[in-house]
Amino acid sequence: MFLMMIDGYRALTRVLIFATALVLGAELQAGTAEAKSAEAKSVVEKLHKTLLDVMKRADALGYSGRYDELAPVVSASFDFDTIGQQLLGRYWAGLNADQRKLFLETFKQLSTATYAARFDGFKNETFRTVSQETKGDWTIVTAELVKSNGDTVQFKYILKPAGEGWRIVNVFADGVSELAARKAEYSTVMRDRGFDALIALLRDKIDHYAKGA
């Protein structure tokens, strides 16, 4: 009987240890998910903070000043390698290393130019983070630009791990995917006119933003 009691205690101990491990593992996973969400959210909020800053100083900075302020933050916030491959789809494989580098650099310049041109003044707007959700290696950060009259523009940022941090790979503005819209345009140019024509198109857009400022 005594030996049976010892065996029973041992079995119960193993069950308790296993159950404790499951609980701790679940808590650790939850903590990791929360940490991932916080890291991803910080990327978006830093971008928003910079945008508000250049909006408030838009006139003093001018277009070129806004561009210079935004360039390092845009570069650090977006995963342009992944975005570039997604934008060009099947055409990416046909590019050599120099062409890929040129496309990524030109598209990065266009992205910065777009922000510098669009966020060219301040009328008491604010950004607010609404939610963040992590699913596996992906995090979705939902945010809003709140205008002075209360109207909002919703942004959904899709982020994935890149290097030691998180980077944005797509943005939905009021439900419209920036990646999808650009991919359709760029694929058509690549199919009908080729790589050089695509680079010329991007540079024309950059020049248009600079001249229109």
N, C-alpha and C. Protein backbone atom coordinates (compact mmCIF):
# COMPACT_ATOMS: atom_id res chain seq x y z
N MET A 1 0.82 -1.21 0.00
CA MET A 1 0.00 0.00 0.00
C MET A 1 0.86 1.26 0.00
N PHE A 2 1.91 1.27 0.82
CA PHE A 2 2.79 2.44 0.92
C PHE A 2 3.44 2.74 -0.43
N LEU A 3 3.90 1.64 -1.11
CA LEU A 3 4.53 1.81 -2.41
C LEU A 3 3.52 2.35 -3.43
N MET A 4 2.29 1.87 -3.33
CA MET A 4 1.26 2.35 -4.24
C MET A 4 1.00 3.83 -4.02
N MET A 5 1.04 4.28 -2.77
CA MET A 5 0.83 5.70 -2.48
C MET A 5 1.95 6.55 -3.07
N ILE A 6 3.19 6.02 -2.95
CA ILE A 6 4.34 6.75 -3.51
C ILE A 6 4.19 6.88 -5.02
N ASP A 7 3.82 5.76 -5.66
CA ASP A 7 3.63 5.80 -7.11
C ASP A 7 2.52 6.77 -7.48
N GLY A 8 1.49 6.83 -6.66
CA GLY A 8 0.39 7.75 -6.92
C GLY A 8 0.83 9.20 -6.82
N TYR A 9 1.62 9.51 -5.77
CA TYR A 9 2.14 10.86 -5.61
C TYR A 9 3.03 11.24 -6.78
N ARG A 10 3.86 10.29 -7.22
CA ARG A 10 4.75 10.56 -8.34
C ARG A 10 3.95 10.88 -9.60
N ALA A 11 2.92 10.10 -9.86
CA ALA A 11 2.08 10.33 -11.03
C ALA A 11 1.40 11.70 -10.94
N LEU A 12 0.87 12.02 -9.73
CA LEU A 12 0.22 13.31 -9.54
C LEU A 12 1.21 14.45 -9.74
N THR A 13 2.44 14.27 -9.25
CA THR A 13 3.47 15.30 -9.41
C THR A 13 3.76 15.55 -10.88
N ARG A 14 3.86 14.43 -11.64
CA ARG A 14 4.14 14.59 -13.08
C ARG A 14 3.00 15.36 -13.77
N VAL A 15 1.77 15.04 -13.37
CA VAL A 15 0.61 15.74 -13.95
C VAL A 15 0.66 17.22 -13.63
N LEU A 16 0.97 17.55 -12.37
CA LEU A 16 1.02 18.95 -11.95
C LEU A 16 2.13 19.71 -12.67
N ILE A 17 3.29 19.06 -12.82
CA ILE A 17 4.41 19.70 -13.53
C ILE A 17 4.03 19.97 -14.98
N PHE A 18 3.38 18.97 -15.61
CA PHE A 18 2.97 19.12 -17.00
C PHE A 18 1.96 20.25 -17.15
N ALA A 19 0.99 20.28 -16.24
CA ALA A 19 -0.04 21.32 -16.30
C ALA A 19 0.56 22.71 -16.09
N THR A 20 1.51 22.80 -15.14
CA THR A 20 2.17 24.09 -14.88
C THR A 20 2.95 24.55 -16.10
N ALA A 21 3.61 23.60 -16.76
CA ALA A 21 4.37 23.93 -17.96
C ALA A 21 3.47 24.46 -19.06
N LEU A 22 2.29 23.85 -19.20
CA LEU A 22 1.34 24.32 -20.20
C LEU A 22 0.89 25.74 -19.91
N VAL A 23 0.58 26.02 -18.65
CA VAL A 23 0.12 27.36 -18.26
C VAL A 23 1.21 28.39 -18.50
N LEU A 24 2.44 28.06 -18.06
CA LEU A 24 3.55 29.00 -18.26
C LEU A 24 3.85 29.21 -19.73
N GLY A 25 3.73 28.12 -20.50
CA GLY A 25 3.97 28.24 -21.94
C GLY A 25 2.95 29.14 -22.59
N ALA A 26 1.69 29.02 -22.20
CA ALA A 26 0.64 29.86 -22.75
C ALA A 26 0.87 31.32 -22.38
N GLU A 27 1.28 31.56 -21.12
CA GLU A 27 1.55 32.93 -20.68
C GLU A 27 2.73 33.51 -21.44
N LEU A 28 3.75 32.68 -21.68
CA LEU A 28 4.92 33.15 -22.41
C LEU A 28 4.56 33.51 -23.84
N GLN A 29 3.73 32.66 -24.48
CA GLN A 29 3.31 32.95 -25.85
C GLN A 29 2.49 34.23 -25.90
N ALA A 30 1.62 34.41 -24.92
CA ALA A 30 0.81 35.63 -24.88
C ALA A 30 1.69 36.85 -24.70
N GLY A 31 2.69 36.72 -23.82
CA GLY A 31 3.60 37.84 -23.59
C GLY A 31 4.41 38.16 -24.83
N THR A 32 4.82 37.12 -25.55
CA THR A 32 5.58 37.33 -26.78
C THR A 32 4.72 38.02 -27.83
N ALA A 33 3.46 37.60 -27.95
CA ALA A 33 2.55 38.22 -28.91
C ALA A 33 2.34 39.69 -28.59
N GLU A 34 2.17 40.01 -27.29
CA GLU A 34 1.99 41.40 -26.89
C GLU A 34 3.23 42.23 -27.21
N ALA A 35 4.41 41.63 -26.98
CA ALA A 35 5.65 42.33 -27.28
C ALA A 35 5.78 42.59 -28.76
N LYS A 36 5.41 41.59 -29.58
CA LYS A 36 5.46 41.77 -31.03
C LYS A 36 4.54 42.90 -31.46
N SER A 37 3.32 42.92 -30.92
CA SER A 37 2.37 43.97 -31.27
C SER A 37 2.90 45.34 -30.89
N ALA A 38 3.50 45.43 -29.72
CA ALA A 38 4.04 46.71 -29.25
C ALA A 38 5.16 47.19 -30.16
N GLU A 39 6.03 46.27 -30.57
CA GLU A 39 7.14 46.64 -31.45
C GLU A 39 6.63 47.11 -32.81
N ALA A 40 5.68 46.38 -33.36
CA ALA A 40 5.11 46.75 -34.65
C ALA A 40 4.39 48.09 -34.56
N LYS A 41 3.62 48.28 -33.50
CA LYS A 41 2.88 49.52 -33.31
C LYS A 41 3.83 50.72 -33.22
N SER A 42 4.98 50.53 -32.60
CA SER A 42 5.93 51.63 -32.44
C SER A 42 6.46 52.11 -33.79
N VAL A 43 6.58 51.19 -34.76
CA VAL A 43 7.03 51.57 -36.11
C VAL A 43 6.01 52.52 -36.74
N VAL A 44 4.74 52.15 -36.65
CA VAL A 44 3.67 52.96 -37.22
C VAL A 44 3.57 54.30 -36.50
N GLU A 45 3.65 54.28 -35.19
CA GLU A 45 3.49 55.52 -34.43
C GLU A 45 4.67 56.47 -34.64
N LYS A 46 5.85 55.94 -34.86
CA LYS A 46 6.99 56.81 -35.17
C LYS A 46 6.79 57.48 -36.52
N LEU A 47 6.29 56.72 -37.49
CA LEU A 47 5.98 57.30 -38.80
C LEU A 47 4.95 58.41 -38.66
N HIS A 48 3.90 58.16 -37.90
CA HIS A 48 2.85 59.16 -37.70
C HIS A 48 3.39 60.40 -36.98
N LYS A 49 4.23 60.20 -36.01
CA LYS A 49 4.81 61.33 -35.27
C LYS A 49 5.62 62.22 -36.21
N THR A 50 6.38 61.59 -37.10
CA THR A 50 7.19 62.35 -38.05
C THR A 50 6.30 63.09 -39.04
N LEU A 51 5.24 62.42 -39.50
CA LEU A 51 4.32 63.07 -40.43
C LEU A 51 3.67 64.31 -39.79
N LEU A 52 3.23 64.18 -38.55
CA LEU A 52 2.63 65.33 -37.87
C LEU A 52 3.64 66.46 -37.70
N ASP A 53 4.86 66.10 -37.41
CA ASP A 53 5.91 67.11 -37.22
C ASP A 53 6.15 67.90 -38.50
N VAL A 54 6.25 67.20 -39.65
CA VAL A 54 6.49 67.92 -40.90
C VAL A 54 5.25 68.69 -41.34
N MET A 55 4.07 68.19 -40.97
CA MET A 55 2.85 68.92 -41.29
C MET A 55 2.83 70.26 -40.54
N LYS A 56 3.21 70.22 -39.28
CA LYS A 56 3.19 71.44 -38.46
C LYS A 56 4.24 72.45 -38.94
N ARG A 57 5.32 71.98 -39.53
CA ARG A 57 6.39 72.86 -40.01
C ARG A 57 6.46 72.90 -41.52
N ALA A 58 5.33 72.56 -42.16
CA ALA A 58 5.32 72.38 -43.61
C ALA A 58 5.83 73.60 -44.38
N ASP A 59 5.33 74.76 -44.03
CA ASP A 59 5.72 75.97 -44.77
C ASP A 59 7.19 76.31 -44.54
N ALA A 60 7.63 76.20 -43.32
CA ALA A 60 9.03 76.52 -43.01
C ALA A 60 9.99 75.54 -43.69
N LEU A 61 9.60 74.28 -43.73
CA LEU A 61 10.47 73.27 -44.32
C LEU A 61 10.45 73.32 -45.84
N GLY A 62 9.29 73.59 -46.41
CA GLY A 62 9.14 73.47 -47.86
C GLY A 62 9.16 72.01 -48.27
N TYR A 63 8.94 71.78 -49.56
CA TYR A 63 8.90 70.40 -50.03
C TYR A 63 10.21 69.67 -49.78
N SER A 64 11.33 70.29 -50.14
CA SER A 64 12.63 69.61 -50.00
C SER A 64 12.95 69.34 -48.53
N GLY A 65 12.57 70.26 -47.65
CA GLY A 65 12.80 70.03 -46.22
C GLY A 65 11.96 68.90 -45.68
N ARG A 66 10.70 68.85 -46.12
CA ARG A 66 9.83 67.74 -45.70
C ARG A 66 10.38 66.41 -46.21
N TYR A 67 10.85 66.43 -47.44
CA TYR A 67 11.43 65.20 -48.02
C TYR A 67 12.62 64.73 -47.20
N ASP A 68 13.51 65.65 -46.86
CA ASP A 68 14.72 65.29 -46.10
C ASP A 68 14.37 64.77 -44.70
N GLU A 69 13.34 65.36 -44.09
CA GLU A 69 12.93 64.91 -42.75
C GLU A 69 12.31 63.51 -42.81
N LEU A 70 11.57 63.25 -43.86
CA LEU A 70 10.82 62.00 -43.97
C LEU A 70 11.68 60.84 -44.48
N ALA A 71 12.67 61.13 -45.30
CA ALA A 71 13.43 60.07 -45.98
C ALA A 71 13.96 58.98 -45.05
N PRO A 72 14.66 59.32 -43.95
CA PRO A 72 15.19 58.25 -43.10
C PRO A 72 14.10 57.45 -42.39
N VAL A 73 13.01 58.10 -42.04
CA VAL A 73 11.93 57.41 -41.33
C VAL A 73 11.18 56.47 -42.29
N VAL A 74 10.92 56.93 -43.50
CA VAL A 74 10.28 56.08 -44.50
C VAL A 74 11.15 54.87 -44.80
N SER A 75 12.44 55.10 -44.96
CA SER A 75 13.38 54.01 -45.25
C SER A 75 13.39 52.97 -44.14
N ALA A 76 13.30 53.45 -42.89
CA ALA A 76 13.35 52.54 -41.74
C ALA A 76 12.01 51.87 -41.45
N SER A 77 10.92 52.43 -41.96
CA SER A 77 9.58 51.94 -41.63
C SER A 77 9.08 50.87 -42.59
N PHE A 78 9.54 50.90 -43.85
CA PHE A 78 9.01 50.02 -44.88
C PHE A 78 10.04 48.98 -45.31
N ASP A 79 9.55 47.78 -45.59
CA ASP A 79 10.40 46.71 -46.11
C ASP A 79 10.36 46.79 -47.64
N PHE A 80 11.21 47.63 -48.20
CA PHE A 80 11.16 47.87 -49.63
C PHE A 80 11.59 46.67 -50.46
N ASP A 81 12.44 45.81 -49.92
CA ASP A 81 12.82 44.60 -50.64
C ASP A 81 11.59 43.73 -50.91
N THR A 82 10.81 43.49 -49.87
CA THR A 82 9.59 42.69 -50.02
C THR A 82 8.57 43.40 -50.88
N ILE A 83 8.38 44.68 -50.67
CA ILE A 83 7.41 45.45 -51.45
C ILE A 83 7.77 45.43 -52.93
N GLY A 84 9.05 45.61 -53.23
CA GLY A 84 9.49 45.63 -54.62
C GLY A 84 9.18 44.34 -55.34
N GLN A 85 9.45 43.22 -54.69
CA GLN A 85 9.16 41.93 -55.29
C GLN A 85 7.67 41.73 -55.50
N GLN A 86 6.87 42.18 -54.54
CA GLN A 86 5.42 42.05 -54.67
C GLN A 86 4.88 42.95 -55.79
N LEU A 87 5.43 44.13 -55.91
CA LEU A 87 4.96 45.07 -56.92
C LEU A 87 5.18 44.55 -58.34
N LEU A 88 6.34 43.98 -58.58
CA LEU A 88 6.68 43.54 -59.93
C LEU A 88 6.30 42.09 -60.21
N GLY A 89 5.97 41.33 -59.17
CA GLY A 89 5.50 39.97 -59.38
C GLY A 89 6.44 39.15 -60.24
N ARG A 90 5.92 38.55 -61.31
CA ARG A 90 6.71 37.66 -62.15
C ARG A 90 7.82 38.39 -62.91
N TYR A 91 7.70 39.70 -63.03
CA TYR A 91 8.73 40.46 -63.74
C TYR A 91 10.01 40.62 -62.91
N TRP A 92 9.88 40.47 -61.59
CA TRP A 92 11.04 40.63 -60.71
C TRP A 92 12.14 39.63 -61.05
N ALA A 93 11.77 38.40 -61.33
CA ALA A 93 12.76 37.35 -61.61
C ALA A 93 13.57 37.65 -62.86
N GLY A 94 13.03 38.43 -63.77
CA GLY A 94 13.73 38.73 -65.01
C GLY A 94 14.68 39.91 -64.92
N LEU A 95 14.73 40.57 -63.76
CA LEU A 95 15.62 41.72 -63.59
C LEU A 95 16.98 41.27 -63.07
N ASN A 96 18.04 41.95 -63.52
CA ASN A 96 19.36 41.66 -62.96
C ASN A 96 19.55 42.45 -61.67
N ALA A 97 20.67 42.25 -61.00
CA ALA A 97 20.90 42.87 -59.69
C ALA A 97 20.88 44.39 -59.76
N ASP A 98 21.47 44.96 -60.80
CA ASP A 98 21.50 46.43 -60.93
C ASP A 98 20.11 46.99 -61.16
N GLN A 99 19.31 46.29 -61.95
CA GLN A 99 17.94 46.76 -62.21
C GLN A 99 17.09 46.70 -60.94
N ARG A 100 17.25 45.63 -60.18
CA ARG A 100 16.50 45.52 -58.93
C ARG A 100 16.88 46.64 -57.98
N LYS A 101 18.17 46.90 -57.87
CA LYS A 101 18.64 47.97 -56.98
C LYS A 101 18.10 49.32 -57.43
N LEU A 102 18.11 49.56 -58.73
CA LEU A 102 17.62 50.83 -59.27
C LEU A 102 16.13 50.98 -59.01
N PHE A 103 15.36 49.93 -59.23
CA PHE A 103 13.92 50.01 -59.00
C PHE A 103 13.62 50.29 -57.53
N LEU A 104 14.26 49.55 -56.63
CA LEU A 104 13.99 49.73 -55.21
C LEU A 104 14.34 51.13 -54.74
N GLU A 105 15.48 51.66 -55.20
CA GLU A 105 15.89 52.99 -54.79
C GLU A 105 14.94 54.05 -55.35
N THR A 106 14.54 53.90 -56.60
CA THR A 106 13.63 54.86 -57.22
C THR A 106 12.26 54.82 -56.57
N PHE A 107 11.77 53.61 -56.27
CA PHE A 107 10.47 53.49 -55.61
C PHE A 107 10.52 54.06 -54.19
N LYS A 108 11.63 53.88 -53.51
CA LYS A 108 11.78 54.47 -52.18
C LYS A 108 11.72 55.99 -52.25
N GLN A 109 12.36 56.56 -53.26
CA GLN A 109 12.32 58.01 -53.45
C GLN A 109 10.90 58.47 -53.74
N LEU A 110 10.18 57.70 -54.56
CA LEU A 110 8.79 58.06 -54.88
C LEU A 110 7.92 57.99 -53.63
N SER A 111 8.11 56.98 -52.81
CA SER A 111 7.33 56.85 -51.58
C SER A 111 7.54 58.05 -50.67
N THR A 112 8.80 58.47 -50.51
CA THR A 112 9.10 59.63 -49.69
C THR A 112 8.52 60.89 -50.30
N ALA A 113 8.64 61.03 -51.62
CA ALA A 113 8.11 62.20 -52.32
C ALA A 113 6.60 62.29 -52.16
N THR A 114 5.93 61.15 -52.19
CA THR A 114 4.47 61.13 -52.04
C THR A 114 4.05 61.65 -50.67
N TYR A 115 4.72 61.19 -49.63
CA TYR A 115 4.43 61.68 -48.28
C TYR A 115 4.74 63.18 -48.16
N ALA A 116 5.87 63.59 -48.71
CA ALA A 116 6.29 65.00 -48.60
C ALA A 116 5.30 65.92 -49.31
N ALA A 117 4.72 65.45 -50.40
CA ALA A 117 3.78 66.27 -51.16
C ALA A 117 2.39 66.28 -50.54
N ARG A 118 1.96 65.15 -50.04
CA ARG A 118 0.59 65.04 -49.53
C ARG A 118 0.43 65.64 -48.14
N PHE A 119 1.43 65.51 -47.30
CA PHE A 119 1.35 66.03 -45.93
C PHE A 119 2.04 67.39 -45.89
N ASP A 120 1.39 68.37 -46.53
CA ASP A 120 2.01 69.67 -46.78
C ASP A 120 1.39 70.81 -45.97
N GLY A 121 0.67 70.49 -44.93
CA GLY A 121 0.08 71.53 -44.09
C GLY A 121 -0.56 70.90 -42.86
N PHE A 122 -0.91 71.75 -41.91
CA PHE A 122 -1.48 71.25 -40.65
C PHE A 122 -2.75 72.01 -40.31
N LYS A 123 -3.83 71.27 -40.09
CA LYS A 123 -5.12 71.86 -39.73
C LYS A 123 -5.69 71.13 -38.51
N ASN A 124 -4.83 70.99 -37.52
CA ASN A 124 -5.22 70.35 -36.25
C ASN A 124 -5.59 68.88 -36.38
N GLU A 125 -4.99 68.20 -37.35
CA GLU A 125 -5.22 66.77 -37.46
C GLU A 125 -4.43 66.02 -36.39
N THR A 126 -4.88 64.82 -36.08
CA THR A 126 -4.16 63.95 -35.16
C THR A 126 -4.21 62.52 -35.69
N PHE A 127 -3.23 61.73 -35.30
CA PHE A 127 -3.26 60.31 -35.58
C PHE A 127 -3.59 59.58 -34.27
N ARG A 128 -4.35 58.51 -34.39
CA ARG A 128 -4.58 57.68 -33.21
C ARG A 128 -4.53 56.20 -33.62
N THR A 129 -3.92 55.41 -32.78
CA THR A 129 -3.85 53.98 -33.00
C THR A 129 -5.12 53.34 -32.45
N VAL A 130 -5.79 52.55 -33.27
CA VAL A 130 -7.07 51.95 -32.89
C VAL A 130 -6.86 50.55 -32.32
N SER A 131 -6.05 49.75 -33.00
CA SER A 131 -5.85 48.37 -32.56
C SER A 131 -4.62 47.79 -33.22
N GLN A 132 -4.16 46.66 -32.67
CA GLN A 132 -3.10 45.89 -33.31
C GLN A 132 -3.35 44.42 -33.04
N GLU A 133 -3.11 43.63 -34.05
CA GLU A 133 -3.39 42.19 -33.96
C GLU A 133 -2.26 41.42 -34.62
N THR A 134 -1.69 40.47 -33.89
CA THR A 134 -0.61 39.65 -34.41
C THR A 134 -1.12 38.25 -34.73
N LYS A 135 -0.85 37.79 -35.94
CA LYS A 135 -1.19 36.45 -36.37
C LYS A 135 0.07 35.80 -36.95
N GLY A 136 0.67 34.91 -36.19
CA GLY A 136 1.91 34.30 -36.64
C GLY A 136 3.00 35.33 -36.78
N ASP A 137 3.56 35.45 -37.97
CA ASP A 137 4.64 36.40 -38.21
C ASP A 137 4.13 37.74 -38.74
N TRP A 138 2.82 37.94 -38.76
CA TRP A 138 2.26 39.16 -39.31
C TRP A 138 1.54 39.95 -38.22
N THR A 139 1.64 41.27 -38.32
CA THR A 139 0.89 42.13 -37.41
C THR A 139 0.14 43.18 -38.22
N ILE A 140 -1.11 43.39 -37.86
CA ILE A 140 -1.94 44.43 -38.49
C ILE A 140 -2.16 45.53 -37.46
N VAL A 141 -1.73 46.73 -37.79
CA VAL A 141 -1.94 47.90 -36.94
C VAL A 141 -2.98 48.79 -37.61
N THR A 142 -4.08 49.02 -36.93
CA THR A 142 -5.13 49.88 -37.46
C THR A 142 -5.03 51.25 -36.79
N ALA A 143 -5.05 52.29 -37.61
CA ALA A 143 -4.93 53.65 -37.09
C ALA A 143 -5.85 54.57 -37.87
N GLU A 144 -6.04 55.77 -37.35
CA GLU A 144 -6.89 56.75 -38.02
C GLU A 144 -6.22 58.12 -38.02
N LEU A 145 -6.40 58.82 -39.12
CA LEU A 145 -6.08 60.24 -39.17
C LEU A 145 -7.38 60.98 -38.89
N VAL A 146 -7.40 61.72 -37.78
CA VAL A 146 -8.62 62.42 -37.36
C VAL A 146 -8.49 63.89 -37.76
N LYS A 147 -9.41 64.33 -38.60
CA LYS A 147 -9.40 65.72 -39.05
C LYS A 147 -10.06 66.63 -38.01
N SER A 148 -9.87 67.91 -38.17
CA SER A 148 -10.39 68.86 -37.18
C SER A 148 -11.91 68.85 -37.09
N ASN A 149 -12.58 68.43 -38.18
CA ASN A 149 -14.05 68.38 -38.16
C ASN A 149 -14.57 67.04 -37.67
N GLY A 150 -13.66 66.15 -37.27
CA GLY A 150 -14.07 64.86 -36.75
C GLY A 150 -14.06 63.73 -37.76
N ASP A 151 -13.98 64.07 -39.04
CA ASP A 151 -13.90 63.03 -40.07
C ASP A 151 -12.59 62.26 -39.92
N THR A 152 -12.61 61.00 -40.34
CA THR A 152 -11.42 60.16 -40.18
C THR A 152 -11.06 59.47 -41.49
N VAL A 153 -9.79 59.19 -41.62
CA VAL A 153 -9.27 58.33 -42.68
C VAL A 153 -8.63 57.14 -41.98
N GLN A 154 -9.09 55.94 -42.32
CA GLN A 154 -8.57 54.75 -41.64
C GLN A 154 -7.40 54.16 -42.41
N PHE A 155 -6.37 53.78 -41.68
CA PHE A 155 -5.21 53.12 -42.26
C PHE A 155 -5.01 51.77 -41.58
N LYS A 156 -4.77 50.76 -42.38
CA LYS A 156 -4.37 49.45 -41.85
C LYS A 156 -2.97 49.16 -42.37
N TYR A 157 -2.04 49.01 -41.45
CA TYR A 157 -0.66 48.72 -41.80
C TYR A 157 -0.39 47.25 -41.59
N ILE A 158 0.13 46.59 -42.62
CA ILE A 158 0.53 45.19 -42.53
C ILE A 158 2.04 45.15 -42.34
N LEU A 159 2.50 44.55 -41.23
CA LEU A 159 3.92 44.51 -40.91
C LEU A 159 4.41 43.07 -40.77
N LYS A 160 5.68 42.87 -41.07
CA LYS A 160 6.31 41.57 -40.88
C LYS A 160 7.71 41.79 -40.31
N PRO A 161 8.28 40.77 -39.65
CA PRO A 161 9.65 40.92 -39.14
C PRO A 161 10.64 41.10 -40.28
N ALA A 162 11.59 41.99 -40.07
CA ALA A 162 12.65 42.22 -41.06
C ALA A 162 13.91 42.61 -40.29
N GLY A 163 14.94 41.76 -40.36
CA GLY A 163 16.14 42.03 -39.58
C GLY A 163 15.83 41.90 -38.10
N GLU A 164 16.15 42.92 -37.33
CA GLU A 164 15.92 42.88 -35.89
C GLU A 164 14.62 43.59 -35.48
N GLY A 165 13.88 44.08 -36.47
CA GLY A 165 12.66 44.81 -36.12
C GLY A 165 11.50 44.43 -37.01
N TRP A 166 10.55 45.35 -37.13
CA TRP A 166 9.36 45.16 -37.94
C TRP A 166 9.34 46.20 -39.04
N ARG A 167 8.77 45.82 -40.19
CA ARG A 167 8.68 46.74 -41.31
C ARG A 167 7.31 46.62 -41.96
N ILE A 168 6.83 47.73 -42.49
CA ILE A 168 5.54 47.77 -43.18
C ILE A 168 5.70 47.20 -44.58
N VAL A 169 4.78 46.32 -44.97
CA VAL A 169 4.82 45.75 -46.32
C VAL A 169 3.60 46.13 -47.15
N ASN A 170 2.59 46.71 -46.52
CA ASN A 170 1.42 47.17 -47.27
C ASN A 170 0.62 48.11 -46.39
N VAL A 171 -0.09 49.03 -47.05
CA VAL A 171 -0.95 49.98 -46.34
C VAL A 171 -2.31 50.00 -47.04
N PHE A 172 -3.37 49.86 -46.26
CA PHE A 172 -4.73 50.03 -46.76
C PHE A 172 -5.24 51.38 -46.27
N ALA A 173 -5.61 52.26 -47.19
CA ALA A 173 -6.19 53.55 -46.84
C ALA A 173 -7.68 53.51 -47.14
N ASP A 174 -8.49 53.56 -46.09
CA ASP A 174 -9.95 53.41 -46.23
C ASP A 174 -10.30 52.18 -47.06
N GLY A 175 -9.60 51.08 -46.80
CA GLY A 175 -9.91 49.81 -47.44
C GLY A 175 -9.23 49.56 -48.77
N VAL A 176 -8.52 50.54 -49.29
CA VAL A 176 -7.86 50.40 -50.60
C VAL A 176 -6.38 50.07 -50.40
N SER A 177 -5.93 48.98 -51.00
CA SER A 177 -4.54 48.54 -50.87
C SER A 177 -3.63 49.35 -51.78
N GLU A 178 -2.65 50.03 -51.18
CA GLU A 178 -1.66 50.76 -51.96
C GLU A 178 -0.86 49.81 -52.85
N LEU A 179 -0.53 48.65 -52.30
CA LEU A 179 0.27 47.67 -53.03
C LEU A 179 -0.47 47.17 -54.27
N ALA A 180 -1.74 46.85 -54.11
CA ALA A 180 -2.52 46.33 -55.23
C ALA A 180 -2.67 47.36 -56.34
N ALA A 181 -2.93 48.61 -55.94
CA ALA A 181 -3.12 49.66 -56.94
C ALA A 181 -1.85 49.90 -57.75
N ARG A 182 -0.73 49.98 -57.07
CA ARG A 182 0.54 50.22 -57.77
C ARG A 182 0.95 49.00 -58.59
N LYS A 183 0.71 47.81 -58.07
CA LYS A 183 1.11 46.60 -58.79
C LYS A 183 0.40 46.52 -60.13
N ALA A 184 -0.87 46.84 -60.18
CA ALA A 184 -1.61 46.80 -61.43
C ALA A 184 -1.01 47.77 -62.45
N GLU A 185 -0.67 48.97 -61.99
CA GLU A 185 -0.10 49.98 -62.89
C GLU A 185 1.29 49.57 -63.37
N TYR A 186 2.14 49.14 -62.44
CA TYR A 186 3.52 48.81 -62.80
C TYR A 186 3.61 47.57 -63.68
N SER A 187 2.77 46.60 -63.42
CA SER A 187 2.77 45.38 -64.24
C SER A 187 2.38 45.69 -65.68
N THR A 188 1.42 46.61 -65.84
CA THR A 188 1.01 46.99 -67.19
C THR A 188 2.15 47.67 -67.94
N VAL A 189 2.87 48.55 -67.26
CA VAL A 189 4.01 49.24 -67.89
C VAL A 189 5.10 48.23 -68.25
N MET A 190 5.42 47.33 -67.34
CA MET A 190 6.45 46.33 -67.61
C MET A 190 6.06 45.46 -68.79
N ARG A 191 4.81 45.08 -68.88
CA ARG A 191 4.35 44.22 -69.96
C ARG A 191 4.37 44.93 -71.31
N ASP A 192 3.92 46.19 -71.33
CA ASP A 192 3.75 46.89 -72.60
C ASP A 192 4.97 47.68 -73.05
N ARG A 193 5.77 48.18 -72.07
CA ARG A 193 6.83 49.11 -72.45
C ARG A 193 8.19 48.77 -71.87
N GLY A 194 8.25 47.91 -70.85
CA GLY A 194 9.54 47.47 -70.34
C GLY A 194 10.05 48.22 -69.12
N PHE A 195 11.20 47.76 -68.63
CA PHE A 195 11.76 48.26 -67.37
C PHE A 195 12.14 49.74 -67.44
N ASP A 196 12.81 50.15 -68.49
CA ASP A 196 13.26 51.55 -68.60
C ASP A 196 12.07 52.51 -68.56
N ALA A 197 10.98 52.11 -69.19
CA ALA A 197 9.78 52.95 -69.19
C ALA A 197 9.20 53.05 -67.77
N LEU A 198 9.28 51.97 -67.01
CA LEU A 198 8.77 52.00 -65.64
C LEU A 198 9.59 52.97 -64.79
N ILE A 199 10.91 52.90 -64.90
CA ILE A 199 11.77 53.82 -64.14
C ILE A 199 11.48 55.26 -64.54
N ALA A 200 11.28 55.50 -65.85
CA ALA A 200 10.96 56.85 -66.32
C ALA A 200 9.64 57.33 -65.73
N LEU A 201 8.67 56.42 -65.63
CA LEU A 201 7.37 56.78 -65.04
C LEU A 201 7.53 57.19 -63.58
N LEU A 202 8.28 56.40 -62.81
CA LEU A 202 8.47 56.73 -61.40
C LEU A 202 9.18 58.07 -61.23
N ARG A 203 10.19 58.30 -62.06
CA ARG A 203 10.93 59.57 -61.97
C ARG A 203 10.05 60.75 -62.36
N ASP A 204 9.17 60.55 -63.33
CA ASP A 204 8.24 61.62 -63.70
C ASP A 204 7.32 61.96 -62.54
N LYS A 205 6.88 60.94 -61.82
CA LYS A 205 6.01 61.18 -60.66
C LYS A 205 6.76 61.96 -59.57
N ILE A 206 8.03 61.59 -59.35
CA ILE A 206 8.84 62.28 -58.35
C ILE A 206 9.00 63.74 -58.73
N ASP A 207 9.32 63.98 -60.01
CA ASP A 207 9.49 65.36 -60.49
C ASP A 207 8.19 66.15 -60.37
N HIS A 208 7.07 65.48 -60.64
CA HIS A 208 5.78 66.14 -60.55
C HIS A 208 5.51 66.61 -59.12
N TYR A 209 5.80 65.77 -58.16
CA TYR A 209 5.61 66.15 -56.75
C TYR A 209 6.52 67.32 -56.38
N ALA A 210 7.76 67.27 -56.84
CA ALA A 210 8.72 68.33 -56.50
C ALA A 210 8.32 69.67 -57.13
N LYS A 211 7.88 69.64 -58.36
CA LYS A 211 7.52 70.88 -59.06
C LYS A 211 6.17 71.44 -58.57
N GLY A 212 5.32 70.54 -58.12
CA GLY A 212 3.99 70.98 -57.68
C GLY A 212 3.97 71.51 -56.26
N ALA A 213 5.09 71.35 -55.54
CA ALA A 213 5.14 71.78 -54.15
C ALA A 213 5.22 73.28 -54.03
